[in-house]
Amino acid sequence: MTNDGALIEIKQFKPLLVGGLRMGGAYSDCGKAFRKLGRRLGRHMEGKVMMLCYDDEFRQRDADFEPCMPLKRRPPNDAHEAHGIEVRELPGGTCLSMLHHGPYEDLSPSYERLREHARQQGLEVLLPSREIYHKGPGILFKGNPKKYVTELQFPIRSSS
């Protein structure tokens, strides 16, 4: 599916308390991390799950990323610390945002479109970028990847 006509907008985002599990490898490995986060922090979750991406380019097998769950409050330490889950506040700021419709395997052109837009506007992209999953696979059923909706957010700073 193409996202060529998707609207790119500038948004403000607030600080957000998250529980995350930073990892390296293939992006497809994030499902295991989301399951672990759900088991440990699910009752504290508030909002859409997301993934933080620490690379400034697509990496097939050795990506640096962090599946995260937004939290309504800080959970007890035993709920996460012993399992490698870090709970912290992500800073607020300004970002370029775009909705991607379709399978996760097709995200690369949307990322490139956002990067090119940032270059044309003279904006510095800050890491990590964010993928917020508005509609994706369910807990029991995979769902239809053509109907997935992922918001890409690039935190930015004006270089002027």
Protein backbone atom coordinates (compact mmCIF):
# COMPACT_ATOMS: atom_id res chain seq x y z
CA MET A 1 0.00 0.00 0.00
CA THR A 2 1.31 3.45 -0.81
CA ASN A 3 1.26 6.32 1.67
CA ASP A 4 2.41 8.95 -0.83
CA GLY A 5 -0.60 11.16 -0.17
CA ALA A 6 -0.50 10.81 3.62
CA LEU A 7 -0.51 14.10 5.46
CA ILE A 8 2.72 15.10 7.21
CA GLU A 9 2.12 17.42 10.12
CA ILE A 10 4.00 19.03 12.96
CA LYS A 11 2.72 18.00 16.38
CA GLN A 12 3.53 18.72 19.99
CA PHE A 13 3.78 15.72 22.28
CA LYS A 14 3.75 15.67 26.06
CA PRO A 15 6.15 13.84 28.36
CA LEU A 16 5.05 10.23 28.70
CA LEU A 17 5.72 7.59 31.35
CA VAL A 18 6.63 4.31 29.64
CA GLY A 19 7.87 0.85 30.43
CA GLY A 20 10.26 -0.36 27.75
CA LEU A 21 12.48 -3.27 26.86
CA ARG A 22 15.44 -2.16 24.73
CA MET A 23 16.77 -4.80 22.40
CA GLY A 24 18.75 -5.46 19.27
CA GLY A 25 17.95 -7.70 16.33
CA ALA A 26 15.19 -7.89 13.75
CA TYR A 27 12.14 -5.64 14.20
CA SER A 28 9.96 -8.75 13.99
CA ASP A 29 11.40 -9.80 17.38
CA CYS A 30 9.39 -7.03 19.07
CA GLY A 31 6.34 -9.27 19.47
CA LYS A 32 8.10 -11.26 22.22
CA ALA A 33 8.95 -8.03 24.03
CA PHE A 34 5.37 -6.74 23.80
CA ARG A 35 4.11 -10.01 25.30
CA LYS A 36 6.60 -9.70 28.16
CA LEU A 37 5.63 -6.06 28.75
CA GLY A 38 1.96 -7.03 28.72
CA ARG A 39 2.47 -9.77 31.31
CA ARG A 40 4.46 -7.49 33.63
CA LEU A 41 2.88 -4.07 33.11
CA GLY A 42 -0.45 -4.62 31.32
CA ARG A 43 -2.63 -3.55 34.24
CA HIS A 44 -0.69 -0.24 34.42
CA MET A 45 -0.96 0.47 30.67
CA GLU A 46 -2.72 3.58 29.38
CA GLY A 47 -2.76 4.36 25.67
CA LYS A 48 -1.32 2.85 22.50
CA VAL A 49 1.81 0.69 22.53
CA MET A 50 4.79 2.03 20.65
CA MET A 51 8.30 1.24 19.56
CA LEU A 52 11.25 3.60 19.89
CA CYS A 53 13.79 3.28 17.06
CA TYR A 54 17.37 4.35 17.84
CA ASP A 55 18.84 3.91 14.34
CA ASP A 56 18.74 6.71 11.78
CA GLU A 57 18.40 4.21 8.93
CA PHE A 58 16.58 0.93 8.32
CA ARG A 59 18.52 -2.05 9.69
CA GLN A 60 17.35 -5.50 8.65
CA ARG A 61 18.84 -7.79 11.31
CA ASP A 62 20.75 -5.61 13.78
CA ALA A 63 18.32 -2.83 14.62
CA ASP A 64 18.40 -0.99 17.97
CA PHE A 65 14.82 -0.57 19.20
CA GLU A 66 12.63 -0.52 22.29
CA PRO A 67 9.06 -1.79 22.47
CA CYS A 68 7.20 0.38 25.03
CA MET A 69 3.89 0.63 26.84
CA PRO A 70 2.59 3.99 28.07
CA LEU A 71 1.77 3.78 31.79
CA LYS A 72 -0.75 5.61 33.95
CA ARG A 73 1.55 5.42 36.98
CA ARG A 74 4.87 3.95 38.04
CA PRO A 75 4.39 0.25 38.88
CA PRO A 76 5.98 -1.47 41.90
CA ASN A 77 9.65 -2.36 41.25
CA ASP A 78 9.03 -6.10 41.35
CA ALA A 79 6.72 -5.79 38.35
CA HIS A 80 9.53 -4.84 36.00
CA GLU A 81 13.09 -4.37 37.31
CA ALA A 82 13.94 -8.08 37.61
CA HIS A 83 12.79 -8.60 34.01
CA GLY A 84 14.98 -6.01 32.28
CA ILE A 85 12.12 -3.56 31.81
CA GLU A 86 13.01 0.11 32.31
CA VAL A 87 10.32 2.52 33.47
CA ARG A 88 11.04 6.18 32.70
CA GLU A 89 9.57 9.39 31.38
CA LEU A 90 10.09 10.18 27.71
CA PRO A 91 10.50 13.93 27.19
CA GLY A 92 7.90 15.99 25.38
CA GLY A 93 8.67 18.08 22.33
CA THR A 94 7.87 18.70 18.70
CA CYS A 95 7.71 16.05 16.01
CA LEU A 96 6.92 15.43 12.37
CA SER A 97 4.05 12.94 12.25
CA MET A 98 2.54 10.82 9.51
CA LEU A 99 0.03 7.96 9.50
CA HIS A 100 1.10 4.84 7.63
CA HIS A 101 -1.69 2.53 6.43
CA GLY A 102 -0.69 -1.04 5.73
CA PRO A 103 1.72 -3.80 6.74
CA TYR A 104 4.77 -3.14 8.87
CA GLU A 105 6.95 -4.55 6.08
CA ASP A 106 5.96 -1.51 3.98
CA LEU A 107 7.03 1.16 6.50
CA SER A 108 10.37 1.96 4.83
CA PRO A 109 8.98 4.28 2.08
CA SER A 110 6.99 6.21 4.71
CA TYR A 111 10.16 6.66 6.78
CA GLU A 112 11.99 7.92 3.69
CA ARG A 113 9.20 10.35 2.90
CA LEU A 114 9.36 11.80 6.42
CA ARG A 115 13.19 12.05 6.29
CA GLU A 116 13.04 13.84 2.94
CA HIS A 117 10.40 16.25 4.25
CA ALA A 118 12.60 17.05 7.26
CA ARG A 119 15.60 17.70 4.96
CA GLN A 120 13.56 19.99 2.69
CA GLN A 121 12.28 21.96 5.70
CA GLY A 122 15.74 22.28 7.32
CA LEU A 123 14.72 20.26 10.37
CA GLU A 124 17.08 18.17 12.46
CA VAL A 125 15.60 14.73 13.25
CA LEU A 126 16.32 13.56 16.79
CA LEU A 127 16.49 9.95 17.94
CA PRO A 128 14.72 7.85 18.91
CA SER A 129 11.91 8.03 16.40
CA ARG A 130 8.57 6.57 17.45
CA GLU A 131 6.13 4.12 15.91
CA ILE A 132 2.72 4.30 17.60
CA TYR A 133 0.43 1.39 16.79
CA HIS A 134 -3.13 2.67 16.38
CA LYS A 135 -4.35 -0.52 14.72
CA GLY A 136 -2.37 -3.73 14.42
CA PRO A 137 -2.49 -7.40 15.24
CA GLY A 138 -4.70 -8.44 18.12
CA ILE A 139 -3.67 -10.57 21.04
CA LEU A 140 -5.22 -13.76 19.68
CA PHE A 141 -5.55 -13.10 15.95
CA LYS A 142 -3.11 -11.53 13.53
CA GLY A 143 -5.70 -9.35 11.81
CA ASN A 144 -5.45 -7.96 8.29
CA PRO A 145 -2.07 -6.21 7.78
CA LYS A 146 -3.60 -4.06 5.01
CA LYS A 147 -5.73 -2.40 7.71
CA TYR A 148 -2.90 -1.67 10.17
CA VAL A 149 -2.44 2.01 11.08
CA THR A 150 0.95 3.11 12.41
CA GLU A 151 1.82 6.69 13.32
CA LEU A 152 5.45 7.56 12.60
CA GLN A 153 6.84 10.37 14.75
CA PHE A 154 10.22 12.01 14.23
CA PRO A 155 11.17 14.32 17.10
CA ILE A 156 12.66 17.43 15.47
CA ARG A 157 14.67 20.54 16.13
CA SER A 158 14.85 23.42 13.70
CA SER A 159 18.38 23.85 12.33
CA SER A 160 17.82 27.54 11.57
